[in-house]
């Protein structure tokens, strides 16, 4: 019965469980259906959202296209604005240039009118002067081909029209000479010298030379030279110097010019200062030693070498100076005998003097040239200024007399002088050059010691420097070789077995091998085995390697001895050559004097 009751209860429980399970399944089914309905509702909303998002994307694409179009239009507008700005800037710049050109043209027209109005008479005066100084005019007047009264009236008219222009009374003096009127000629000369002494004196000197009166030309040339400032010599002096040096004004003018140049040279510089000036030029001509020359001598006397090198280089100055002068003046300081020049230098100087503008003319003419450059360059003021500066030659430059002499002798390419004039410059400075050469040689002799010390491998020898005191290289080389051999033998004998080290190493190896290694294992054992092996090798090297070390010491000693002996041999040869050339260079000073001896005679 109990079993039936239990069975019934079990069945009831089962049924109850099934009922609860079914209810749970129903609830799950209902929830699933609710979820499905929610998914359907959400799916509709998602589709609507996707449709809206698609529309937004379409709008974004359209907006992007619109922005791109706007950007292109803006870029085109910026390009148009930039082009317009560039065109406007170009227009403004061109307008400014055109305005400068218009101003320059107007100002040039005004200055041209002023120039012709104020200085047209001077142009006619210059034209008349060219005709009067011509030799054919003098012959024509003397042969009565030209009426003397006509010449007189022409020159008097020029003086009345240009009373302040020095050339007007100057040509009146020339005309008076044609008429053999001494007193009026002298008054005209005095008046011309009052207006401009330097130009008038030069004009009368050149005119007298052209008309064949050398004595008068020399007198006027002497007066002209006395009126010059040697600190400010113009290009006229260079042209005149060429004429004088070519003997176109006669021997007297040549002599006066030499005396004047000598006086300027003495007055502008103290002898010591002049020697210092030309000494710098001569030192620049010296031969400088390169690092590859006299290397053995350089190595063996390092402490003295810089002083020796400088003194040796100074000793080359006379020879190098003589070589330079022979190259620059191949015909010698006085040249070869040539016939008197055809007078082209006098003609050039006279034409240049007549055409030379007065200060007021030159100032106005300079302004006109600047305006012409502005017009030529289309109003570009910067380019016009550069072009104007490039056209300015050395015509207006003033140079000191000493600078002119320096250029004539040592920089002939920069001097506007011919060869005869440069020879005159050389004669003018020759005493100063000789003085400078003497100072350089004396300085070189001060750097020349009586004895030098050669040091090699710790050994030194003191040797004479005079070439006549010969030094036999054999004994010195043998002495050095013997000393180095003794050093090598001493170092070789010092190589012996070092028994204390042998004992220490042997004791270490025995202790390590017998007392330490058997009680270790792993890495420590290998380490002490290695130390034991090193100790054994060391003992063997100390016992058996003595002969090897001795041989190594001797090889090193032999190499050092051979190198030192070779260096000493080269140093001795170079010493002889070095000091022989040094003494010969100082003796070349006499050759320089002989080459310039002709200059001293003048």
Protein backbone atom coordinates (compact mmCIF):
# COMPACT_ATOMS: atom_id res chain seq x y z
CA UNK A 1 0.00 0.00 0.00
CA UNK A 2 2.71 2.39 0.78
CA UNK A 3 4.24 1.71 -2.58
CA UNK A 4 0.93 2.53 -4.30
CA UNK A 5 0.70 5.79 -2.40
CA UNK A 6 4.26 6.70 -3.40
CA UNK A 7 3.45 5.83 -7.01
CA UNK A 8 0.38 8.01 -6.97
CA UNK A 9 2.28 10.89 -5.44
CA UNK A 10 4.99 10.53 -8.04
CA UNK A 11 2.56 10.61 -10.88
CA UNK A 12 0.92 13.72 -9.40
CA UNK A 13 4.23 15.46 -9.19
CA UNK A 14 4.96 14.58 -12.74
CA UNK A 15 1.71 15.97 -13.94
CA UNK A 16 2.20 19.12 -11.94
CA UNK A 17 5.66 19.57 -13.42
CA UNK A 18 4.35 19.10 -16.92
CA UNK A 19 1.66 21.72 -16.27
CA UNK A 20 4.25 24.26 -15.03
CA UNK A 21 6.52 23.50 -17.99
CA UNK A 22 3.74 24.11 -20.44
CA UNK A 23 2.90 27.44 -18.82
CA UNK A 24 6.53 28.52 -19.05
CA UNK A 25 6.69 27.55 -22.70
CA UNK A 26 3.56 29.52 -23.39
CA UNK A 27 4.99 32.60 -21.74
CA UNK A 28 8.25 32.23 -23.73
CA UNK A 29 6.25 31.87 -26.93
CA UNK A 30 4.30 35.01 -26.14
CA UNK A 31 7.52 36.94 -25.45
CA UNK A 32 9.07 35.69 -28.66
CA UNK A 33 6.04 36.84 -30.57
CA UNK A 34 6.31 40.24 -28.84
CA UNK A 35 9.99 40.44 -29.75
CA UNK A 36 9.13 39.61 -33.34
CA UNK A 37 6.52 42.32 -33.44
CA UNK A 38 9.01 44.80 -31.96
CA UNK A 39 11.57 43.77 -34.57
CA UNK A 40 9.04 44.37 -37.31
CA UNK A 41 8.25 47.82 -35.91
CA UNK A 42 11.97 48.62 -35.49
CA UNK A 43 12.71 47.34 -38.99
CA UNK A 44 10.24 49.82 -40.41
CA UNK A 45 11.82 52.63 -38.44
CA UNK A 46 15.31 51.54 -39.59
CA UNK A 47 14.21 51.55 -43.20
CA UNK A 48 12.80 55.04 -42.75
CA UNK A 49 16.09 56.14 -41.11
CA UNK A 50 18.08 54.61 -43.97
CA UNK A 51 15.93 56.45 -46.48
CA UNK A 52 16.50 59.69 -44.59
CA UNK A 53 20.26 59.03 -44.38
CA UNK A 54 20.37 58.37 -48.12
CA UNK A 55 18.72 61.74 -48.69
CA UNK A 56 21.23 63.40 -46.41
CA UNK A 57 24.07 61.77 -48.33
CA UNK A 58 22.62 63.04 -51.57
CA UNK A 59 22.41 66.54 -50.12
CA UNK A 60 26.02 66.31 -48.87
CA UNK A 61 27.23 65.27 -52.34
CA UNK A 62 25.36 68.15 -53.91
CA UNK A 63 26.74 70.53 -51.30
CA UNK A 64 30.30 69.25 -51.94
CA UNK A 65 29.89 69.78 -55.65
CA UNK A 66 28.59 73.27 -54.94
CA UNK A 67 31.57 74.03 -52.68
CA UNK A 68 34.00 72.72 -55.31
CA UNK A 69 32.40 74.93 -57.89
CA UNK A 70 32.61 77.90 -55.54
CA UNK A 71 36.29 77.12 -54.83
CA UNK A 72 37.04 77.01 -58.55
CA UNK A 73 35.31 80.32 -59.04
CA UNK A 74 37.20 81.82 -56.08
CA UNK A 75 40.52 80.49 -57.48
CA UNK A 76 39.70 81.97 -60.86
CA UNK A 77 38.84 85.26 -59.19
CA UNK A 78 42.11 85.22 -57.23
CA UNK A 79 44.04 84.52 -60.43
CA UNK A 80 42.25 87.35 -62.17
CA UNK A 81 42.96 89.66 -59.24
CA UNK A 82 46.64 88.60 -59.21
CA UNK A 83 46.94 89.18 -62.96
CA UNK A 84 45.23 92.52 -62.59
CA UNK A 85 47.55 93.44 -59.75
CA UNK A 86 50.59 92.40 -61.77
CA UNK A 87 49.39 94.39 -64.74
CA UNK A 88 48.71 97.34 -62.46
CA UNK A 89 52.16 97.07 -60.83
CA UNK A 90 53.78 96.83 -64.25
CA UNK A 91 51.79 99.81 -65.39
CA UNK A 92 52.73 101.81 -62.30
CA UNK A 93 56.41 100.85 -62.68
CA UNK A 94 56.41 101.65 -66.37
CA UNK A 95 54.55 104.87 -65.68
CA UNK A 96 57.18 105.81 -63.14
CA UNK A 97 59.96 105.03 -65.63
CA UNK A 98 58.22 106.94 -68.37
CA UNK A 99 57.84 109.85 -66.01
CA UNK A 100 61.58 109.71 -65.19
CA UNK A 101 62.37 109.55 -68.91
CA UNK A 102 60.12 112.54 -69.57
CA UNK A 103 61.77 114.46 -66.74
CA UNK A 104 65.24 113.50 -67.98
CA UNK A 105 64.40 114.52 -71.54
CA UNK A 106 63.04 117.86 -70.41
CA UNK A 107 66.00 118.50 -68.10
CA UNK A 108 68.46 117.37 -70.78
CA UNK A 109 66.90 119.72 -73.28
CA UNK A 110 67.16 122.56 -70.78
CA UNK A 111 70.78 121.78 -69.84
CA UNK A 112 71.73 121.39 -73.49
CA UNK A 113 70.32 124.83 -74.19
CA UNK A 114 72.16 126.27 -71.21
CA UNK A 115 75.39 124.49 -72.21
CA UNK A 116 75.31 125.84 -75.74
CA UNK A 117 74.28 129.30 -74.55
CA UNK A 118 76.99 129.55 -71.89
CA UNK A 119 79.87 127.62 -73.45
CA UNK A 120 79.43 127.80 -77.22
CA UNK A 121 82.13 130.47 -77.38
CA UNK A 122 84.61 128.16 -75.69
CA UNK A 123 84.04 125.57 -78.39
CA UNK A 124 84.97 128.14 -81.02
CA UNK A 125 87.97 129.17 -78.94
CA UNK A 126 89.15 125.56 -78.85
CA UNK A 127 88.68 125.25 -82.61
CA UNK A 128 90.75 128.37 -83.18
CA UNK A 129 93.42 127.08 -80.76
CA UNK A 130 93.76 123.83 -82.73
CA UNK A 131 94.35 125.80 -85.89
CA UNK A 132 96.85 128.22 -84.36
CA UNK A 133 99.07 125.56 -82.77
CA UNK A 134 99.33 123.61 -86.01
CA UNK A 135 102.72 123.92 -87.66
CA UNK A 136 101.15 124.57 -91.06
CA UNK A 137 99.42 127.63 -89.64
CA UNK A 138 102.74 129.04 -88.47
CA UNK A 139 104.26 128.49 -91.91
CA UNK A 140 101.23 130.06 -93.57
CA UNK A 141 101.48 133.19 -91.40
CA UNK A 142 105.18 133.58 -91.95
CA UNK A 143 104.75 133.22 -95.72
CA UNK A 144 101.93 135.80 -95.64
CA UNK A 145 99.36 133.28 -96.79
CA UNK A 146 97.27 134.42 -93.84
CA UNK A 147 96.87 138.07 -92.94
CA UNK A 148 98.38 138.76 -89.52
CA UNK A 149 95.75 141.35 -88.72
CA UNK A 150 93.08 138.72 -89.36
CA UNK A 151 94.74 136.40 -86.87
CA UNK A 152 94.99 139.24 -84.37
CA UNK A 153 91.36 140.23 -84.71
CA UNK A 154 90.25 136.58 -84.30
CA UNK A 155 92.18 136.02 -81.07
CA UNK A 156 91.18 139.42 -79.66
CA UNK A 157 87.53 138.58 -80.34
CA UNK A 158 87.97 135.31 -78.45
CA UNK A 159 89.40 137.16 -75.47
CA UNK A 160 86.53 139.64 -75.48
CA UNK A 161 83.95 136.86 -75.63
CA UNK A 162 85.66 134.62 -73.04
CA UNK A 163 87.61 136.91 -70.68
CA UNK A 164 87.79 134.31 -67.88
CA UNK A 165 88.84 131.38 -70.05
CA UNK A 166 92.61 130.76 -69.89
CA UNK A 167 92.83 129.49 -73.46
CA UNK A 168 91.74 132.85 -74.94
CA UNK A 169 94.81 134.81 -73.77
CA UNK A 170 96.96 131.73 -74.41
CA UNK A 171 96.15 131.70 -78.13
CA UNK A 172 96.61 135.46 -78.17
CA UNK A 173 100.20 134.85 -76.99
CA UNK A 174 100.67 132.29 -79.78
CA UNK A 175 99.35 134.75 -82.34
CA UNK A 176 101.68 137.44 -80.98
CA UNK A 177 104.58 135.06 -81.48
CA UNK A 178 103.54 134.65 -85.10
CA UNK A 179 103.66 138.45 -85.49
CA UNK A 180 106.98 138.70 -83.57
CA UNK A 181 105.35 140.96 -80.98
CA UNK A 182 107.25 140.17 -77.80
CA UNK A 183 105.65 142.57 -75.30
CA UNK A 184 102.00 141.80 -76.16
CA UNK A 185 102.85 138.11 -76.17
CA UNK A 186 104.37 138.27 -72.71
CA UNK A 187 101.35 140.18 -71.37
CA UNK A 188 99.02 137.58 -72.86
CA UNK A 189 101.10 134.77 -71.32
CA UNK A 190 100.98 136.41 -67.91
CA UNK A 191 97.22 136.87 -68.16
CA UNK A 192 96.74 133.21 -69.12
CA UNK A 193 98.91 132.07 -66.20
CA UNK A 194 96.86 134.24 -63.88
CA UNK A 195 93.68 132.44 -64.93
CA UNK A 196 95.13 128.89 -64.74
CA UNK A 197 98.87 128.60 -64.23
CA UNK A 198 99.24 124.83 -64.64
CA UNK A 199 97.26 124.56 -67.88
CA UNK A 200 98.78 127.71 -69.35
CA UNK A 201 102.35 126.62 -68.58
CA UNK A 202 101.72 123.20 -70.09
CA UNK A 203 100.06 124.75 -73.16
CA UNK A 204 103.02 127.04 -73.82
CA UNK A 205 105.49 124.18 -73.31
CA UNK A 206 103.67 121.89 -75.73
CA UNK A 207 103.13 124.68 -78.24
CA UNK A 208 106.80 125.68 -78.20
CA UNK A 209 107.79 122.04 -78.66
CA UNK A 210 105.41 121.63 -81.58
CA UNK A 211 106.78 124.77 -83.22
CA UNK A 212 110.36 123.49 -82.76
CA UNK A 213 111.57 125.77 -79.95
CA UNK A 214 112.99 123.22 -77.49
CA UNK A 215 114.67 125.75 -75.19
CA UNK A 216 111.44 127.66 -74.65
CA UNK A 217 109.57 124.36 -74.27
CA UNK A 218 112.01 123.24 -71.57
CA UNK A 219 111.65 126.55 -69.68
CA UNK A 220 107.86 126.38 -69.73
CA UNK A 221 107.95 122.69 -68.76
CA UNK A 222 110.11 123.51 -65.74
CA UNK A 223 107.59 126.15 -64.70
CA UNK A 224 104.74 123.68 -65.24
CA UNK A 225 106.40 121.03 -63.07
CA UNK A 226 106.99 123.54 -60.28
CA UNK A 227 103.28 124.42 -60.27
CA UNK A 228 102.12 120.80 -59.77
CA UNK A 229 101.12 119.24 -56.46
CA UNK A 230 102.88 115.85 -56.30
CA UNK A 231 100.12 114.54 -54.04
CA UNK A 232 97.48 115.08 -56.74
CA UNK A 233 98.67 114.34 -60.25
CA UNK A 234 96.10 114.05 -63.02
CA UNK A 235 96.13 112.02 -66.19
CA UNK A 236 97.57 115.04 -68.04
CA UNK A 237 100.85 114.47 -66.26
CA UNK A 238 100.97 110.85 -67.46
CA UNK A 239 100.53 111.92 -71.09
CA UNK A 240 103.12 114.68 -70.70
CA UNK A 241 105.53 112.29 -69.02
CA UNK A 242 105.27 109.95 -72.00
CA UNK A 243 106.12 112.85 -74.31
CA UNK A 244 109.08 113.95 -72.18
CA UNK A 245 110.41 110.40 -71.78
CA UNK A 246 110.20 109.92 -75.55
CA UNK A 247 112.46 113.01 -75.90
CA UNK A 248 109.80 114.93 -77.82
CA UNK A 249 110.41 118.12 -75.82
CA UNK A 250 114.20 117.95 -75.93
CA UNK A 251 117.01 117.02 -73.57
CA UNK A 252 116.57 120.07 -71.36
CA UNK A 253 112.94 119.26 -70.62
CA UNK A 254 113.97 115.68 -69.91
CA UNK A 255 116.63 116.85 -67.47
CA UNK A 256 114.24 119.25 -65.71
CA UNK A 257 111.65 116.53 -65.33
CA UNK A 258 114.17 114.13 -63.81
CA UNK A 259 115.23 116.76 -61.33
CA UNK A 260 111.63 117.54 -60.41
CA UNK A 261 110.80 113.86 -59.92
CA UNK A 262 113.87 113.36 -57.77
CA UNK A 263 112.89 116.37 -55.68
CA UNK A 264 109.34 115.08 -55.24
CA UNK A 265 110.69 111.71 -54.19
CA UNK A 266 112.88 113.27 -51.54
CA UNK A 267 110.30 115.74 -50.27
CA UNK A 268 107.40 113.29 -49.99
CA UNK A 269 109.28 110.55 -48.12
CA UNK A 270 112.04 110.38 -45.59
CA UNK A 271 114.80 108.01 -46.79
CA UNK A 272 113.98 105.49 -44.08
CA UNK A 273 110.27 105.66 -44.82
CA UNK A 274 110.95 105.30 -48.54
CA UNK A 275 113.13 102.31 -47.83
CA UNK A 276 110.33 100.76 -45.79
CA UNK A 277 107.82 101.36 -48.60
CA UNK A 278 109.95 99.81 -51.32
CA UNK A 279 111.20 97.17 -48.89
CA UNK A 280 107.67 95.81 -48.65
CA UNK A 281 107.54 95.56 -52.44
CA UNK A 282 110.89 93.78 -52.56
CA UNK A 283 109.92 91.34 -49.79
CA UNK A 284 106.85 90.39 -51.79
CA UNK A 285 109.17 89.33 -54.62
CA UNK A 286 111.15 86.89 -52.46
CA UNK A 287 111.09 83.17 -53.12
CA UNK A 288 109.18 81.29 -50.43
CA UNK A 289 110.25 77.80 -49.45
CA UNK A 290 107.67 75.04 -49.74
CA UNK A 291 107.15 72.32 -47.15
CA UNK A 292 108.76 69.76 -49.48
CA UNK A 293 112.12 71.54 -49.62
CA UNK A 294 114.95 70.87 -47.16
CA UNK A 295 112.79 68.42 -45.21
CA UNK A 296 115.74 66.69 -43.50
CA UNK A 297 117.29 70.00 -42.46
CA UNK A 298 113.89 71.15 -41.22
CA UNK A 299 113.53 67.98 -39.08
CA UNK A 300 116.99 68.21 -37.54
CA UNK A 301 116.91 71.88 -36.51
CA UNK A 302 113.27 72.50 -35.69
CA UNK A 303 113.90 75.20 -33.09
CA UNK A 304 115.96 77.36 -35.48
CA UNK A 305 114.12 76.55 -38.69
CA UNK A 306 111.58 79.39 -38.79
CA UNK A 307 114.29 81.99 -38.32
CA UNK A 308 116.55 80.28 -40.86
CA UNK A 309 113.73 79.98 -43.38
CA UNK A 310 112.82 83.67 -43.19
CA UNK A 311 116.44 84.80 -43.48
CA UNK A 312 117.02 82.48 -46.46
CA UNK A 313 113.93 83.83 -48.22
CA UNK A 314 115.12 87.42 -47.68
CA UNK A 315 118.43 86.50 -49.29
CA UNK A 316 116.58 85.68 -52.52
CA UNK A 317 115.23 89.25 -52.79
CA UNK A 318 118.13 90.73 -54.86
CA UNK A 319 118.06 87.91 -57.41
CA UNK A 320 114.27 87.87 -57.64
CA UNK A 321 114.17 91.66 -57.93
CA UNK A 322 116.76 91.58 -60.71
CA UNK A 323 114.80 88.87 -62.54
CA UNK A 324 111.60 90.92 -62.26
CA UNK A 325 113.26 94.11 -63.49
CA UNK A 326 114.86 92.30 -66.42
CA UNK A 327 111.47 90.88 -67.37
CA UNK A 328 109.70 94.23 -66.98
CA UNK A 329 112.46 96.26 -68.64
CA UNK A 330 114.07 93.86 -71.13
CA UNK A 331 116.12 96.66 -72.72
CA UNK A 332 117.67 97.65 -69.41
CA UNK A 333 117.03 100.65 -67.17
CA UNK A 334 118.01 103.10 -69.93
CA UNK A 335 116.69 101.23 -72.94
CA UNK A 336 118.31 101.17 -76.33
CA UNK A 337 119.18 104.12 -78.48
CA UNK A 338 116.12 104.99 -80.53
CA UNK A 339 115.42 107.96 -82.81
CA UNK A 340 113.38 110.83 -81.38
CA UNK A 341 109.66 110.11 -81.47
CA UNK A 342 107.46 111.58 -84.16
CA UNK A 343 105.73 113.89 -81.72
CA UNK A 344 102.54 111.92 -81.32
CA UNK A 345 102.69 112.18 -77.52
CA UNK A 346 102.96 115.98 -77.70
CA UNK A 347 100.09 116.09 -80.15
CA UNK A 348 97.98 113.85 -77.90
CA UNK A 349 98.79 115.93 -74.82
CA UNK A 350 98.04 119.19 -76.61
CA UNK A 351 94.75 117.93 -78.03
CA UNK A 352 93.77 116.60 -74.62
CA UNK A 353 94.63 119.91 -72.95
CA UNK A 354 92.64 121.96 -75.46
CA UNK A 355 89.60 119.69 -75.22
CA UNK A 356 89.64 119.56 -71.44
CA UNK A 357 86.49 121.06 -69.97
CA UNK A 358 86.59 123.72 -67.31
CA UNK A 359 85.07 122.89 -63.88
CA UNK A 360 81.78 124.66 -64.63
CA UNK A 361 81.57 122.94 -68.02
CA UNK A 362 82.51 119.57 -66.59
CA UNK A 363 79.84 119.80 -63.89
CA UNK A 364 77.12 120.59 -66.40
CA UNK A 365 78.39 117.99 -68.85
CA UNK A 366 78.38 115.36 -66.10
CA UNK A 367 74.74 116.12 -65.35
CA UNK A 368 73.89 115.76 -69.05
CA UNK A 369 75.63 112.39 -69.22
CA UNK A 370 73.66 111.14 -66.22
CA UNK A 371 70.40 112.21 -67.87
CA UNK A 372 71.42 110.46 -71.07
CA UNK A 373 72.00 107.23 -69.15
CA UNK A 374 68.50 107.51 -67.62
CA UNK A 375 66.96 107.91 -71.07
CA UNK A 376 69.00 105.02 -72.50
CA UNK A 377 67.83 102.66 -69.72
CA UNK A 378 64.19 103.64 -70.01
CA UNK A 379 63.93 105.42 -66.67
CA UNK A 380 65.57 102.65 -64.60
CA UNK A 381 67.48 104.84 -62.15
CA UNK A 382 69.47 102.01 -60.59
CA UNK A 383 70.64 100.60 -63.91
CA UNK A 384 71.40 104.11 -65.15
CA UNK A 385 73.53 104.84 -62.07
CA UNK A 386 75.47 101.61 -62.52
CA UNK A 387 76.02 102.30 -66.20
CA UNK A 388 77.17 105.82 -65.43
CA UNK A 389 79.66 104.59 -62.86
CA UNK A 390 81.02 102.00 -65.29
CA UNK A 391 81.60 104.70 -67.91
CA UNK A 392 83.58 106.85 -65.50
CA UNK A 393 87.20 106.21 -66.39
CA UNK A 394 90.38 107.25 -64.61
CA UNK A 395 90.37 110.56 -66.45
CA UNK A 396 89.39 112.58 -63.40
CA UNK A 397 91.25 110.53 -60.82
CA UNK A 398 94.11 112.11 -58.94
CA UNK A 399 96.99 109.93 -57.83
CA UNK A 400 99.95 110.74 -55.57
CA UNK A 401 103.34 110.80 -57.18
CA UNK A 402 104.63 107.86 -55.13
CA UNK A 403 101.60 105.76 -56.10
CA UNK A 404 102.27 106.56 -59.74
CA UNK A 405 105.90 105.47 -59.37
CA UNK A 406 104.84 102.28 -57.62
CA UNK A 407 102.36 101.45 -60.38
CA UNK A 408 104.88 102.29 -63.10
CA UNK A 409 107.54 99.91 -61.76
CA UNK A 410 105.67 97.16 -59.91
CA UNK A 411 102.17 97.26 -61.46
CA UNK A 412 102.67 98.40 -65.08
CA UNK A 413 99.25 97.10 -66.14
CA UNK A 414 97.53 99.64 -63.89
CA UNK A 415 99.66 102.62 -64.93
CA UNK A 416 98.76 104.69 -68.00
CA UNK A 417 102.40 105.09 -68.94
CA UNK A 418 104.56 103.90 -71.79
CA UNK A 419 107.83 102.06 -71.40
CA UNK A 420 110.07 105.17 -71.59
CA UNK A 421 108.03 106.89 -68.88
CA UNK A 422 108.18 103.80 -66.69
CA UNK A 423 111.97 103.81 -67.09
CA UNK A 424 111.99 107.38 -65.84
CA UNK A 425 109.96 106.26 -62.83
CA UNK A 426 112.48 103.49 -62.21
CA UNK A 427 115.34 105.99 -62.33
CA UNK A 428 113.51 108.23 -59.89
CA UNK A 429 113.13 105.52 -57.26
CA UNK A 430 116.36 103.66 -57.95
CA UNK A 431 118.30 105.11 -54.96
CA UNK A 432 115.38 104.17 -52.70
CA UNK A 433 115.25 100.68 -54.22
CA UNK A 434 118.95 100.18 -53.60
CA UNK A 435 118.53 101.40 -50.03
CA UNK A 436 115.63 98.99 -49.54
CA UNK A 437 117.65 96.12 -51.03
CA UNK A 438 120.53 96.91 -48.66
CA UNK A 439 118.15 96.81 -45.71
CA UNK A 440 116.69 93.49 -46.80
CA UNK A 441 120.15 91.98 -47.23
CA UNK A 442 121.22 93.33 -43.82
CA UNK A 443 118.13 91.82 -42.25
CA UNK A 444 118.88 88.52 -43.95
CA UNK A 445 122.45 88.63 -42.65
CA UNK A 446 121.12 89.26 -39.12
CA UNK A 447 119.12 86.03 -39.37
CA UNK A 448 122.19 84.09 -40.50
CA UNK A 449 123.81 82.38 -37.48
CA UNK A 450 127.47 81.44 -37.37
CA UNK A 451 126.64 77.89 -36.33
CA UNK A 452 123.56 75.68 -36.27
CA UNK A 453 122.72 72.61 -34.21
CA UNK A 454 121.50 69.41 -35.83
CA UNK A 455 119.64 67.05 -33.49
CA UNK A 456 118.84 63.44 -34.38
CA UNK A 457 117.76 60.62 -32.07
CA UNK A 458 118.73 62.59 -29.00
CA UNK A 459 122.26 63.46 -30.25
CA UNK A 460 123.31 66.94 -31.40
CA UNK A 461 126.14 68.39 -33.48
CA UNK A 462 127.02 72.07 -33.84
CA UNK A 463 128.14 72.89 -37.38
CA UNK A 464 129.32 76.09 -39.12
CA UNK A 465 127.12 77.84 -41.70
CA UNK A 466 129.77 79.42 -43.90
CA UNK A 467 130.21 77.51 -47.19
CA UNK A 468 134.01 77.75 -47.01
CA UNK A 469 134.04 75.83 -43.71
CA UNK A 470 133.51 72.34 -45.05
CA UNK A 471 132.12 69.55 -42.90
CA UNK A 472 133.02 65.94 -43.68
CA UNK A 473 129.84 63.88 -43.37
CA UNK A 474 131.66 60.56 -42.88
CA UNK A 475 132.87 61.02 -39.30
CA UNK A 476 129.52 62.42 -38.18
CA UNK A 477 127.60 59.57 -39.74
CA UNK A 478 129.99 56.98 -38.28
CA UNK A 479 129.73 58.63 -34.85
CA UNK A 480 125.91 58.56 -34.96
CA UNK A 481 125.88 54.95 -36.16
CA UNK A 482 128.28 53.90 -33.37
CA UNK A 483 126.24 55.64 -30.69
CA UNK A 484 123.00 54.10 -31.87
CA UNK A 485 124.69 50.68 -32.10
CA UNK A 486 125.78 51.04 -28.50
CA UNK A 487 122.25 51.97 -27.48
CA UNK A 488 120.87 48.96 -29.32
CA UNK A 489 123.44 46.64 -27.73
CA UNK A 490 122.63 48.04 -24.28
CA UNK A 491 118.89 47.47 -24.80
CA UNK A 492 119.60 43.99 -26.11
CA UNK A 493 121.77 43.13 -23.11
CA UNK A 494 119.02 44.36 -20.84
CA UNK A 495 116.75 41.62 -22.14
CA UNK A 496 117.23 38.73 -19.54
CA UNK A 497 115.11 36.12 -17.82
CA UNK A 498 113.07 37.75 -15.07
CA UNK A 499 113.31 35.01 -12.45
CA UNK A 500 111.08 36.65 -9.82
CA UNK A 501 108.25 36.76 -12.33
CA UNK A 502 108.98 33.17 -13.32
CA UNK A 503 108.82 32.02 -9.70
CA UNK A 504 105.62 33.94 -8.97
CA UNK A 505 103.92 32.59 -12.09
CA UNK A 506 105.12 29.04 -11.39
CA UNK A 507 103.95 29.20 -7.77
CA UNK A 508 100.58 30.55 -8.87
CA UNK A 509 100.16 27.77 -11.41
CA UNK A 510 101.06 25.03 -8.91
CA UNK A 511 98.78 26.39 -6.19
CA UNK A 512 95.92 26.87 -8.59
CA UNK A 513 96.33 23.49 -10.27
CA UNK A 514 96.68 21.44 -7.11
CA UNK A 515 94.74 23.24 -4.39
CA UNK A 516 92.01 25.16 -6.16
CA UNK A 517 90.95 23.48 -9.38
CA UNK A 518 90.17 20.01 -7.88
CA UNK A 519 87.68 21.54 -5.46
CA UNK A 520 85.74 23.60 -8.01
CA UNK A 521 83.32 22.70 -10.74
CA UNK A 522 81.47 24.42 -13.54
CA UNK A 523 82.49 27.91 -14.70
CA UNK A 524 84.83 28.61 -11.79
CA UNK A 525 86.83 25.50 -12.60
CA UNK A 526 87.24 26.52 -16.23
CA UNK A 527 88.26 30.00 -15.21
CA UNK A 528 91.03 28.81 -12.87
CA UNK A 529 92.16 26.25 -15.46
CA UNK A 530 92.56 29.13 -17.93
CA UNK A 531 94.56 31.13 -15.38
CA UNK A 532 96.77 28.12 -14.74
CA UNK A 533 97.37 27.69 -18.49
CA UNK A 534 98.27 31.38 -18.84
CA UNK A 535 100.74 31.10 -15.95
CA UNK A 536 102.41 28.10 -17.56
CA UNK A 537 102.67 29.87 -20.95
CA UNK A 538 104.12 32.92 -19.22
CA UNK A 539 106.77 30.81 -17.50
CA UNK A 540 107.70 29.19 -20.81
CA UNK A 541 107.94 32.61 -22.53
CA UNK A 542 110.12 34.03 -19.78
CA UNK A 543 112.43 31.01 -19.90
CA UNK A 544 112.59 30.35 -23.64
CA UNK A 545 111.71 33.74 -25.28
CA UNK A 546 114.83 35.70 -24.35
CA UNK A 547 116.50 35.18 -27.74
CA UNK A 548 113.36 36.20 -29.60
CA UNK A 549 113.07 39.41 -27.59
CA UNK A 550 116.76 40.17 -28.11
CA UNK A 551 116.38 39.73 -31.87
CA UNK A 552 113.33 42.03 -31.89
CA UNK A 553 115.23 44.72 -29.98
CA UNK A 554 118.13 44.53 -32.41
CA UNK A 555 115.84 44.74 -35.44
CA UNK A 556 114.23 47.87 -34.05
CA UNK A 557 117.61 49.36 -33.24
CA UNK A 558 118.92 48.62 -36.73
CA UNK A 559 115.91 50.24 -38.36
CA UNK A 560 116.24 53.33 -36.19
CA UNK A 561 119.96 53.52 -36.89
CA UNK A 562 119.53 53.27 -40.66
CA UNK A 563 116.77 55.91 -40.65
CA UNK A 564 118.78 58.29 -38.44
CA UNK A 565 121.95 57.85 -40.51
CA UNK A 566 120.02 58.50 -43.74
CA UNK A 567 118.38 61.59 -42.24
CA UNK A 568 121.72 62.93 -41.03
CA UNK A 569 123.31 62.36 -44.44
CA UNK A 570 120.49 64.23 -46.19
CA UNK A 571 120.57 67.00 -43.59
CA UNK A 572 124.30 67.51 -44.11
CA UNK A 573 123.87 67.73 -47.89
CA UNK A 574 120.94 70.09 -47.54
CA UNK A 575 122.85 72.21 -45.02
CA UNK A 576 125.63 72.79 -47.51
CA UNK A 577 123.22 73.63 -50.33
CA UNK A 578 121.02 75.78 -48.09
CA UNK A 579 123.74 78.05 -46.76
CA UNK A 580 125.60 78.19 -50.07
CA UNK A 581 122.49 79.59 -51.75
CA UNK A 582 121.96 81.91 -48.80
CA UNK A 583 125.40 83.50 -49.21
CA UNK A 584 125.08 83.59 -53.00
CA UNK A 585 121.72 85.33 -52.68
CA UNK A 586 123.20 88.07 -50.52
CA UNK A 587 126.06 88.51 -53.00
CA UNK A 588 123.51 89.04 -55.82
CA UNK A 589 123.01 92.52 -54.39
CA UNK A 590 126.08 93.58 -56.37
CA UNK A 591 124.52 92.27 -59.60
CA UNK A 592 121.49 94.44 -58.93
CA UNK A 593 123.74 97.46 -58.54
CA UNK A 594 125.57 96.66 -61.78
CA UNK A 595 122.29 96.30 -63.68
CA UNK A 596 121.07 99.67 -62.46
CA UNK A 597 124.46 101.37 -62.75
CA UNK A 598 123.37 103.22 -65.84
CA UNK A 599 120.59 104.85 -63.86
CA UNK A 600 123.02 106.24 -61.34
CA UNK A 601 124.91 108.03 -64.08
CA UNK A 602 121.93 110.18 -64.92
